């Protein structure tokens, strides 16, 4: 049983060899269990605007989705640099 210090650590710390599987499972869960159906990639957003499925997106919303995706990417870079600043300077 892990002690309290290990509870916040994820797959990359505990089992680095399982990271590819964890990423795949995360993407699958994001697709099936969220309303956005994994519009994590601007190319996917554009493709979904051209489809007529339950997971589609209205063409009028494409610009806002892509803007939000890029803003999220920039925020993620900033937060990750802040979180791992000690490792980046070492």
PDB file of N, CA and C in Angstrom:
ATOM      1  N   UNK A   1       0.843  -1.189   0.000  1.00  0.00           N
ATOM      2  CA  UNK A   1       0.000   0.000   0.000  1.00  0.00           C
ATOM      3  C   UNK A   1       0.881   1.242   0.000  1.00  0.00           C
ATOM      4  N   UNK A   2       0.589   2.183  -0.837  1.00  0.00           N
ATOM      5  CA  UNK A   2       1.374   3.412  -0.924  1.00  0.00           C
ATOM      6  C   UNK A   2       1.075   4.320   0.255  1.00  0.00           C
ATOM      7  N   UNK A   3       2.092   5.023   0.698  1.00  0.00           N
ATOM      8  CA  UNK A   3       1.849   5.977   1.783  1.00  0.00           C
ATOM      9  C   UNK A   3       1.274   7.269   1.201  1.00  0.00           C
ATOM     10  N   UNK A   4       0.936   8.214   2.046  1.00  0.00           N
ATOM     11  CA  UNK A   4       0.277   9.447   1.633  1.00  0.00           C
ATOM     12  C   UNK A   4       1.073  10.272   0.650  1.00  0.00           C
ATOM     13  N   UNK A   5       2.402  10.135   0.690  1.00  0.00           N
ATOM     14  CA  UNK A   5       3.235  10.929  -0.216  1.00  0.00           C
ATOM     15  C   UNK A   5       3.108  10.478  -1.666  1.00  0.00           C
ATOM     16  N   UNK A   6       2.739   9.224  -1.898  1.00  0.00           N
ATOM     17  CA  UNK A   6       2.632   8.703  -3.260  1.00  0.00           C
ATOM     18  C   UNK A   6       1.273   8.934  -3.904  1.00  0.00           C
ATOM     19  N   UNK A   7       0.302   9.405  -3.154  1.00  0.00           N
ATOM     20  CA  UNK A   7      -1.046   9.524  -3.693  1.00  0.00           C
ATOM     21  C   UNK A   7      -1.142  10.534  -4.831  1.00  0.00           C
ATOM     22  N   UNK A   8      -0.310  11.552  -4.821  1.00  0.00           N
ATOM     23  CA  UNK A   8      -0.389  12.579  -5.862  1.00  0.00           C
ATOM     24  C   UNK A   8       0.455  12.246  -7.082  1.00  0.00           C
ATOM     25  N   UNK A   9       1.183  11.184  -7.047  1.00  0.00           N
ATOM     26  CA  UNK A   9       2.059  10.838  -8.158  1.00  0.00           C
ATOM     27  C   UNK A   9       1.322   9.978  -9.175  1.00  0.00           C
ATOM     28  N   UNK A  10       1.601  10.203 -10.427  1.00  0.00           N
ATOM     29  CA  UNK A  10       0.902   9.483 -11.475  1.00  0.00           C
ATOM     30  C   UNK A  10       1.740   8.394 -12.105  1.00  0.00           C
ATOM     31  N   UNK A  11       1.321   7.982 -13.277  1.00  0.00           N
ATOM     32  CA  UNK A  11       1.961   6.871 -13.980  1.00  0.00           C
ATOM     33  C   UNK A  11       3.417   7.172 -14.316  1.00  0.00           C
ATOM     34  N   UNK A  12       3.747   8.413 -14.627  1.00  0.00           N
ATOM     35  CA  UNK A  12       5.117   8.722 -15.027  1.00  0.00           C
ATOM     36  C   UNK A  12       6.102   8.554 -13.888  1.00  0.00           C
ATOM     37  N   UNK A  13       5.647   8.701 -12.647  1.00  0.00           N
ATOM     38  CA  UNK A  13       6.526   8.537 -11.498  1.00  0.00           C
ATOM     39  C   UNK A  13       6.560   7.095 -11.021  1.00  0.00           C
ATOM     40  N   UNK A  14       5.405   6.481 -10.936  1.00  0.00           N
ATOM     41  CA  UNK A  14       5.327   5.119 -10.401  1.00  0.00           C
ATOM     42  C   UNK A  14       5.771   4.062 -11.400  1.00  0.00           C
ATOM     43  N   UNK A  15       5.274   4.161 -12.617  1.00  0.00           N
ATOM     44  CA  UNK A  15       5.577   3.165 -13.645  1.00  0.00           C
ATOM     45  C   UNK A  15       5.760   3.870 -14.988  1.00  0.00           C
ATOM     46  N   UNK A  16       6.938   4.378 -15.259  1.00  0.00           N
ATOM     47  CA  UNK A  16       7.159   5.112 -16.513  1.00  0.00           C
ATOM     48  C   UNK A  16       6.812   4.308 -17.766  1.00  0.00           C
ATOM     49  N   UNK A  17       6.967   2.993 -17.727  1.00  0.00           N
ATOM     50  CA  UNK A  17       6.675   2.171 -18.899  1.00  0.00           C
ATOM     51  C   UNK A  17       5.184   2.141 -19.220  1.00  0.00           C
ATOM     52  N   UNK A  18       4.332   2.573 -18.282  1.00  0.00           N
ATOM     53  CA  UNK A  18       2.887   2.541 -18.527  1.00  0.00           C
ATOM     54  C   UNK A  18       2.335   3.882 -19.040  1.00  0.00           C
ATOM     55  N   UNK A  19       3.192   4.866 -19.229  1.00  0.00           N
ATOM     56  CA  UNK A  19       2.730   6.191 -19.685  1.00  0.00           C
ATOM     57  C   UNK A  19       1.992   6.122 -21.024  1.00  0.00           C
ATOM     58  N   UNK A  20       2.485   5.398 -22.038  1.00  0.00           N
ATOM     59  CA  UNK A  20       1.726   5.349 -23.302  1.00  0.00           C
ATOM     60  C   UNK A  20       0.310   4.813 -23.125  1.00  0.00           C
ATOM     61  N   UNK A  21       0.153   3.825 -22.264  1.00  0.00           N
ATOM     62  CA  UNK A  21      -1.180   3.271 -22.021  1.00  0.00           C
ATOM     63  C   UNK A  21      -2.063   4.277 -21.279  1.00  0.00           C
ATOM     64  N   UNK A  22      -1.475   4.990 -20.329  1.00  0.00           N
ATOM     65  CA  UNK A  22      -2.230   5.990 -19.570  1.00  0.00           C
ATOM     66  C   UNK A  22      -2.715   7.105 -20.490  1.00  0.00           C
ATOM     67  N   UNK A  23      -1.871   7.528 -21.416  1.00  0.00           N
ATOM     68  CA  UNK A  23      -2.261   8.583 -22.360  1.00  0.00           C
ATOM     69  C   UNK A  23      -3.398   8.094 -23.252  1.00  0.00           C
ATOM     70  N   UNK A  24      -3.274   6.890 -23.755  1.00  0.00           N
ATOM     71  CA  UNK A  24      -4.334   6.329 -24.595  1.00  0.00           C
ATOM     72  C   UNK A  24      -5.659   6.213 -23.860  1.00  0.00           C
ATOM     73  N   UNK A  25      -5.601   5.761 -22.614  1.00  0.00           N
ATOM     74  CA  UNK A  25      -6.825   5.648 -21.813  1.00  0.00           C
ATOM     75  C   UNK A  25      -7.418   7.018 -21.518  1.00  0.00           C
ATOM     76  N   UNK A  26      -6.567   8.008 -21.275  1.00  0.00           N
ATOM     77  CA  UNK A  26      -7.056   9.362 -21.021  1.00  0.00           C
ATOM     78  C   UNK A  26      -7.787   9.902 -22.251  1.00  0.00           C
ATOM     79  N   UNK A  27      -7.203   9.727 -23.410  1.00  0.00           N
ATOM     80  CA  UNK A  27      -7.838  10.225 -24.641  1.00  0.00           C
ATOM     81  C   UNK A  27      -9.159   9.501 -24.891  1.00  0.00           C
ATOM     82  N   UNK A  28      -9.177   8.204 -24.677  1.00  0.00           N
ATOM     83  CA  UNK A  28     -10.417   7.441 -24.840  1.00  0.00           C
ATOM     84  C   UNK A  28     -11.496   7.942 -23.899  1.00  0.00           C
ATOM     85  N   UNK A  29     -11.133   8.147 -22.636  1.00  0.00           N
ATOM     86  CA  UNK A  29     -12.100   8.650 -21.657  1.00  0.00           C
ATOM     87  C   UNK A  29     -12.568  10.058 -22.029  1.00  0.00           C
ATOM     88  N   UNK A  30     -11.652  10.895 -22.514  1.00  0.00           N
ATOM     89  CA  UNK A  30     -12.037  12.249 -22.912  1.00  0.00           C
ATOM     90  C   UNK A  30     -13.025  12.220 -24.069  1.00  0.00           C
ATOM     91  N   UNK A  31     -12.852  11.269 -24.959  1.00  0.00           N
ATOM     92  CA  UNK A  31     -13.768  11.165 -26.096  1.00  0.00           C
ATOM     93  C   UNK A  31     -15.142  10.666 -25.671  1.00  0.00           C
ATOM     94  N   UNK A  32     -15.175   9.600 -24.900  1.00  0.00           N
ATOM     95  CA  UNK A  32     -16.450   8.952 -24.590  1.00  0.00           C
ATOM     96  C   UNK A  32     -17.197   9.575 -23.424  1.00  0.00           C
ATOM     97  N   UNK A  33     -16.506  10.232 -22.514  1.00  0.00           N
ATOM     98  CA  UNK A  33     -17.170  10.672 -21.286  1.00  0.00           C
ATOM     99  C   UNK A  33     -17.210  12.186 -21.104  1.00  0.00           C
ATOM    100  N   UNK A  34     -16.955  12.955 -22.146  1.00  0.00           N
ATOM    101  CA  UNK A  34     -17.089  14.410 -22.053  1.00  0.00           C
ATOM    102  C   UNK A  34     -17.931  14.918 -23.216  1.00  0.00           C
ATOM    103  N   UNK A  35     -18.489  16.094 -23.039  1.00  0.00           N
ATOM    104  CA  UNK A  35     -19.329  16.686 -24.082  1.00  0.00           C
ATOM    105  C   UNK A  35     -18.507  17.111 -25.291  1.00  0.00           C
ATOM    106  N   UNK A  36     -17.235  17.443 -25.099  1.00  0.00           N
ATOM    107  CA  UNK A  36     -16.432  17.943 -26.209  1.00  0.00           C
ATOM    108  C   UNK A  36     -16.026  16.845 -27.182  1.00  0.00           C
ATOM    109  N   UNK A  37     -16.115  15.598 -26.785  1.00  0.00           N
ATOM    110  CA  UNK A  37     -15.685  14.442 -27.571  1.00  0.00           C
ATOM    111  C   UNK A  37     -14.273  14.631 -28.116  1.00  0.00           C
ATOM    112  N   UNK A  38     -13.408  15.120 -27.278  1.00  0.00           N
ATOM    113  CA  UNK A  38     -11.970  15.177 -27.538  1.00  0.00           C
ATOM    114  C   UNK A  38     -11.585  16.060 -28.724  1.00  0.00           C
ATOM    115  N   UNK A  39     -12.076  17.277 -28.734  1.00  0.00           N
ATOM    116  CA  UNK A  39     -11.635  18.242 -29.754  1.00  0.00           C
ATOM    117  C   UNK A  39     -10.300  18.834 -29.315  1.00  0.00           C
ATOM    118  N   UNK A  40      -9.319  17.996 -29.073  1.00  0.00           N
ATOM    119  CA  UNK A  40      -8.039  18.466 -28.562  1.00  0.00           C
ATOM    120  C   UNK A  40      -7.104  18.911 -29.676  1.00  0.00           C
ATOM    121  N   UNK A  41      -7.483  18.722 -30.888  1.00  0.00           N
ATOM    122  CA  UNK A  41      -6.626  19.005 -32.017  1.00  0.00           C
ATOM    123  C   UNK A  41      -7.405  19.885 -32.995  1.00  0.00           C
ATOM    124  N   UNK A  42      -6.847  21.031 -33.394  1.00  0.00           N
ATOM    125  CA  UNK A  42      -7.570  21.889 -34.348  1.00  0.00           C
ATOM    126  C   UNK A  42      -7.966  21.172 -35.637  1.00  0.00           C
ATOM    127  N   UNK A  43      -7.147  20.235 -36.095  1.00  0.00           N
ATOM    128  CA  UNK A  43      -7.500  19.489 -37.310  1.00  0.00           C
ATOM    129  C   UNK A  43      -8.754  18.650 -37.081  1.00  0.00           C
ATOM    130  N   UNK A  44      -8.887  18.075 -35.892  1.00  0.00           N
ATOM    131  CA  UNK A  44     -10.083  17.297 -35.569  1.00  0.00           C
ATOM    132  C   UNK A  44     -11.298  18.218 -35.512  1.00  0.00           C
ATOM    133  N   UNK A  45     -11.136  19.396 -34.956  1.00  0.00           N
ATOM    134  CA  UNK A  45     -12.234  20.358 -34.885  1.00  0.00           C
ATOM    135  C   UNK A  45     -12.731  20.704 -36.284  1.00  0.00           C
ATOM    136  N   UNK A  46     -11.803  20.972 -37.184  1.00  0.00           N
ATOM    137  CA  UNK A  46     -12.186  21.305 -38.562  1.00  0.00           C
ATOM    138  C   UNK A  46     -12.875  20.112 -39.222  1.00  0.00           C
ATOM    139  N   UNK A  47     -12.324  18.916 -39.044  1.00  0.00           N
ATOM    140  CA  UNK A  47     -12.931  17.721 -39.635  1.00  0.00           C
ATOM    141  C   UNK A  47     -14.325  17.477 -39.076  1.00  0.00           C
ATOM    142  N   UNK A  48     -14.502  17.675 -37.770  1.00  0.00           N
ATOM    143  CA  UNK A  48     -15.820  17.459 -37.160  1.00  0.00           C
ATOM    144  C   UNK A  48     -16.834  18.493 -37.639  1.00  0.00           C
ATOM    145  N   UNK A  49     -16.368  19.657 -38.036  1.00  0.00           N
ATOM    146  CA  UNK A  49     -17.308  20.658 -38.554  1.00  0.00           C
ATOM    147  C   UNK A  49     -17.842  20.253 -39.921  1.00  0.00           C
ATOM    148  N   UNK A  50     -17.135  19.358 -40.598  1.00  0.00           N
ATOM    149  CA  UNK A  50     -17.549  18.908 -41.920  1.00  0.00           C
ATOM    150  C   UNK A  50     -18.387  17.639 -41.877  1.00  0.00           C
ATOM    151  N   UNK A  51     -18.538  17.067 -40.668  1.00  0.00           N
ATOM    152  CA  UNK A  51     -19.310  15.824 -40.538  1.00  0.00           C
ATOM    153  C   UNK A  51     -20.711  16.116 -40.019  1.00  0.00           C
ATOM    154  N   UNK A  52     -21.588  15.182 -40.246  1.00  0.00           N
ATOM    155  CA  UNK A  52     -22.962  15.318 -39.768  1.00  0.00           C
ATOM    156  C   UNK A  52     -23.244  14.157 -38.805  1.00  0.00           C
ATOM    157  N   UNK A  53     -22.537  14.173 -37.662  1.00  0.00           N
ATOM    158  CA  UNK A  53     -22.678  13.104 -36.679  1.00  0.00           C
ATOM    159  C   UNK A  53     -23.012  13.705 -35.321  1.00  0.00           C
ATOM    160  N   UNK A  54     -23.275  12.827 -34.342  1.00  0.00           N
ATOM    161  CA  UNK A  54     -23.574  13.303 -32.992  1.00  0.00           C
ATOM    162  C   UNK A  54     -22.378  14.023 -32.386  1.00  0.00           C
ATOM    163  N   UNK A  55     -21.186  13.738 -32.873  1.00  0.00           N
ATOM    164  CA  UNK A  55     -19.972  14.355 -32.332  1.00  0.00           C
ATOM    165  C   UNK A  55     -19.515  15.544 -33.174  1.00  0.00           C
ATOM    166  N   UNK A  56     -20.358  16.016 -34.053  1.00  0.00           N
ATOM    167  CA  UNK A  56     -19.992  17.128 -34.914  1.00  0.00           C
ATOM    168  C   UNK A  56     -19.985  18.457 -34.178  1.00  0.00           C
ATOM    169  N   UNK A  57     -19.565  19.482 -34.873  1.00  0.00           N
ATOM    170  CA  UNK A  57     -19.528  20.839 -34.335  1.00  0.00           C
ATOM    171  C   UNK A  57     -20.047  21.770 -35.419  1.00  0.00           C
ATOM    172  N   UNK A  58     -20.807  22.744 -35.022  1.00  0.00           N
ATOM    173  CA  UNK A  58     -21.340  23.699 -35.998  1.00  0.00           C
ATOM    174  C   UNK A  58     -20.189  24.483 -36.620  1.00  0.00           C
ATOM    175  N   UNK A  59     -20.198  24.660 -37.931  1.00  0.00           N
ATOM    176  CA  UNK A  59     -19.118  25.403 -38.587  1.00  0.00           C
ATOM    177  C   UNK A  59     -18.913  26.805 -38.003  1.00  0.00           C
ATOM    178  N   UNK A  60     -19.962  27.422 -37.509  1.00  0.00           N
ATOM    179  CA  UNK A  60     -19.828  28.768 -36.938  1.00  0.00           C
ATOM    180  C   UNK A  60     -19.014  28.762 -35.647  1.00  0.00           C
ATOM    181  N   UNK A  61     -18.902  27.622 -34.988  1.00  0.00           N
ATOM    182  CA  UNK A  61     -18.166  27.546 -33.729  1.00  0.00           C
ATOM    183  C   UNK A  61     -16.711  27.140 -33.859  1.00  0.00           C
ATOM    184  N   UNK A  62     -16.246  26.866 -35.070  1.00  0.00           N
ATOM    185  CA  UNK A  62     -14.885  26.376 -35.271  1.00  0.00           C
ATOM    186  C   UNK A  62     -13.838  27.385 -34.796  1.00  0.00           C
ATOM    187  N   UNK A  63     -13.981  28.639 -35.148  1.00  0.00           N
ATOM    188  CA  UNK A  63     -12.983  29.644 -34.752  1.00  0.00           C
ATOM    189  C   UNK A  63     -12.878  29.749 -33.237  1.00  0.00           C
ATOM    190  N   UNK A  64     -14.008  29.739 -32.555  1.00  0.00           N
ATOM    191  CA  UNK A  64     -13.973  29.816 -31.090  1.00  0.00           C
ATOM    192  C   UNK A  64     -13.328  28.574 -30.485  1.00  0.00           C
ATOM    193  N   UNK A  65     -13.627  27.396 -31.020  1.00  0.00           N
ATOM    194  CA  UNK A  65     -13.014  26.163 -30.523  1.00  0.00           C
ATOM    195  C   UNK A  65     -11.505  26.202 -30.702  1.00  0.00           C
ATOM    196  N   UNK A  66     -11.037  26.590 -31.879  1.00  0.00           N
ATOM    197  CA  UNK A  66      -9.595  26.616 -32.141  1.00  0.00           C
ATOM    198  C   UNK A  66      -8.915  27.661 -31.272  1.00  0.00           C
ATOM    199  N   UNK A  67      -9.541  28.813 -31.085  1.00  0.00           N
ATOM    200  CA  UNK A  67      -8.984  29.834 -30.198  1.00  0.00           C
ATOM    201  C   UNK A  67      -8.864  29.302 -28.776  1.00  0.00           C
ATOM    202  N   UNK A  68      -9.898  28.614 -28.304  1.00  0.00           N
ATOM    203  CA  UNK A  68      -9.866  28.044 -26.953  1.00  0.00           C
ATOM    204  C   UNK A  68      -8.804  26.951 -26.844  1.00  0.00           C
ATOM    205  N   UNK A  69      -8.641  26.133 -27.886  1.00  0.00           N
ATOM    206  CA  UNK A  69      -7.616  25.095 -27.866  1.00  0.00           C
ATOM    207  C   UNK A  69      -6.218  25.702 -27.781  1.00  0.00           C
ATOM    208  N   UNK A  70      -5.970  26.730 -28.548  1.00  0.00           N
ATOM    209  CA  UNK A  70      -4.657  27.375 -28.518  1.00  0.00           C
ATOM    210  C   UNK A  70      -4.416  28.079 -27.184  1.00  0.00           C
ATOM    211  N   UNK A  71      -5.445  28.718 -26.637  1.00  0.00           N
ATOM    212  CA  UNK A  71      -5.309  29.354 -25.314  1.00  0.00           C
ATOM    213  C   UNK A  71      -5.033  28.301 -24.245  1.00  0.00           C
ATOM    214  N   UNK A  72      -5.695  27.167 -24.331  1.00  0.00           N
ATOM    215  CA  UNK A  72      -5.448  26.074 -23.386  1.00  0.00           C
ATOM    216  C   UNK A  72      -4.041  25.526 -23.509  1.00  0.00           C
ATOM    217  N   UNK A  73      -3.548  25.412 -24.726  1.00  0.00           N
ATOM    218  CA  UNK A  73      -2.180  24.929 -24.929  1.00  0.00           C
ATOM    219  C   UNK A  73      -1.168  25.893 -24.325  1.00  0.00           C
ATOM    220  N   UNK A  74      -1.369  27.183 -24.541  1.00  0.00           N
ATOM    221  CA  UNK A  74      -0.462  28.180 -23.960  1.00  0.00           C
ATOM    222  C   UNK A  74      -0.522  28.163 -22.440  1.00  0.00           C
ATOM    223  N   UNK A  75      -1.714  28.026 -21.894  1.00  0.00           N
ATOM    224  CA  UNK A  75      -1.857  27.952 -20.438  1.00  0.00           C
ATOM    225  C   UNK A  75      -1.163  26.702 -19.897  1.00  0.00           C
ATOM    226  N   UNK A  76      -1.295  25.577 -20.600  1.00  0.00           N
ATOM    227  CA  UNK A  76      -0.653  24.339 -20.165  1.00  0.00           C
ATOM    228  C   UNK A  76       0.865  24.466 -20.168  1.00  0.00           C
ATOM    229  N   UNK A  77       1.408  25.128 -21.185  1.00  0.00           N
ATOM    230  CA  UNK A  77       2.857  25.333 -21.233  1.00  0.00           C
ATOM    231  C   UNK A  77       3.303  26.189 -20.054  1.00  0.00           C
ATOM    232  N   UNK A  78       2.574  27.266 -19.792  1.00  0.00           N
ATOM    233  CA  UNK A  78       2.924  28.136 -18.665  1.00  0.00           C
ATOM    234  C   UNK A  78       2.849  27.428 -17.326  1.00  0.00           C
ATOM    235  N   UNK A  79       1.784  26.679 -17.104  1.00  0.00           N
ATOM    236  CA  UNK A  79       1.620  25.958 -15.837  1.00  0.00           C
ATOM    237  C   UNK A  79       2.682  24.871 -15.694  1.00  0.00           C
ATOM    238  N   UNK A  80       2.965  24.136 -16.785  1.00  0.00           N
ATOM    239  CA  UNK A  80       3.967  23.072 -16.688  1.00  0.00           C
ATOM    240  C   UNK A  80       5.359  23.641 -16.434  1.00  0.00           C
ATOM    241  N   UNK A  81       5.673  24.758 -17.044  1.00  0.00           N
ATOM    242  CA  UNK A  81       6.966  25.394 -16.754  1.00  0.00           C
ATOM    243  C   UNK A  81       7.047  25.836 -15.301  1.00  0.00           C
ATOM    244  N   UNK A  82       5.952  26.322 -14.760  1.00  0.00           N
ATOM    245  CA  UNK A  82       5.935  26.737 -13.360  1.00  0.00           C
ATOM    246  C   UNK A  82       6.051  25.520 -12.434  1.00  0.00           C
ATOM    247  N   UNK A  83       5.308  24.459 -12.740  1.00  0.00           N
ATOM    248  CA  UNK A  83       5.332  23.269 -11.895  1.00  0.00           C
ATOM    249  C   UNK A  83       6.689  22.571 -11.902  1.00  0.00           C
ATOM    250  N   UNK A  84       7.330  22.508 -13.049  1.00  0.00           N
ATOM    251  CA  UNK A  84       8.584  21.782 -13.174  1.00  0.00           C
ATOM    252  C   UNK A  84       9.786  22.706 -13.369  1.00  0.00           C
ATOM    253  N   UNK A  85       9.713  23.897 -12.822  1.00  0.00           N
ATOM    254  CA  UNK A  85      10.806  24.868 -12.989  1.00  0.00           C
ATOM    255  C   UNK A  85      12.118  24.367 -12.413  1.00  0.00           C
ATOM    256  N   UNK A  86      12.072  23.638 -11.295  1.00  0.00           N
ATOM    257  CA  UNK A  86      13.308  23.132 -10.691  1.00  0.00           C
ATOM    258  C   UNK A  86      13.974  22.106 -11.597  1.00  0.00           C
ATOM    259  N   UNK A  87      13.210  21.263 -12.242  1.00  0.00           N
ATOM    260  CA  UNK A  87      13.779  20.259 -13.145  1.00  0.00           C
ATOM    261  C   UNK A  87      14.326  20.900 -14.422  1.00  0.00           C
ATOM    262  N   UNK A  88      13.695  21.984 -14.852  1.00  0.00           N
ATOM    263  CA  UNK A  88      14.118  22.631 -16.091  1.00  0.00           C
ATOM    264  C   UNK A  88      15.436  23.383 -15.925  1.00  0.00           C
ATOM    265  N   UNK A  89      15.711  23.846 -14.707  1.00  0.00           N
ATOM    266  CA  UNK A  89      16.939  24.601 -14.476  1.00  0.00           C
ATOM    267  C   UNK A  89      18.093  23.706 -14.040  1.00  0.00           C
ATOM    268  N   UNK A  90      17.790  22.469 -13.719  1.00  0.00           N
ATOM    269  CA  UNK A  90      18.845  21.547 -13.235  1.00  0.00           C
ATOM    270  C   UNK A  90      19.679  21.011 -14.368  1.00  0.00           C
TER     271      UNK A  90
END
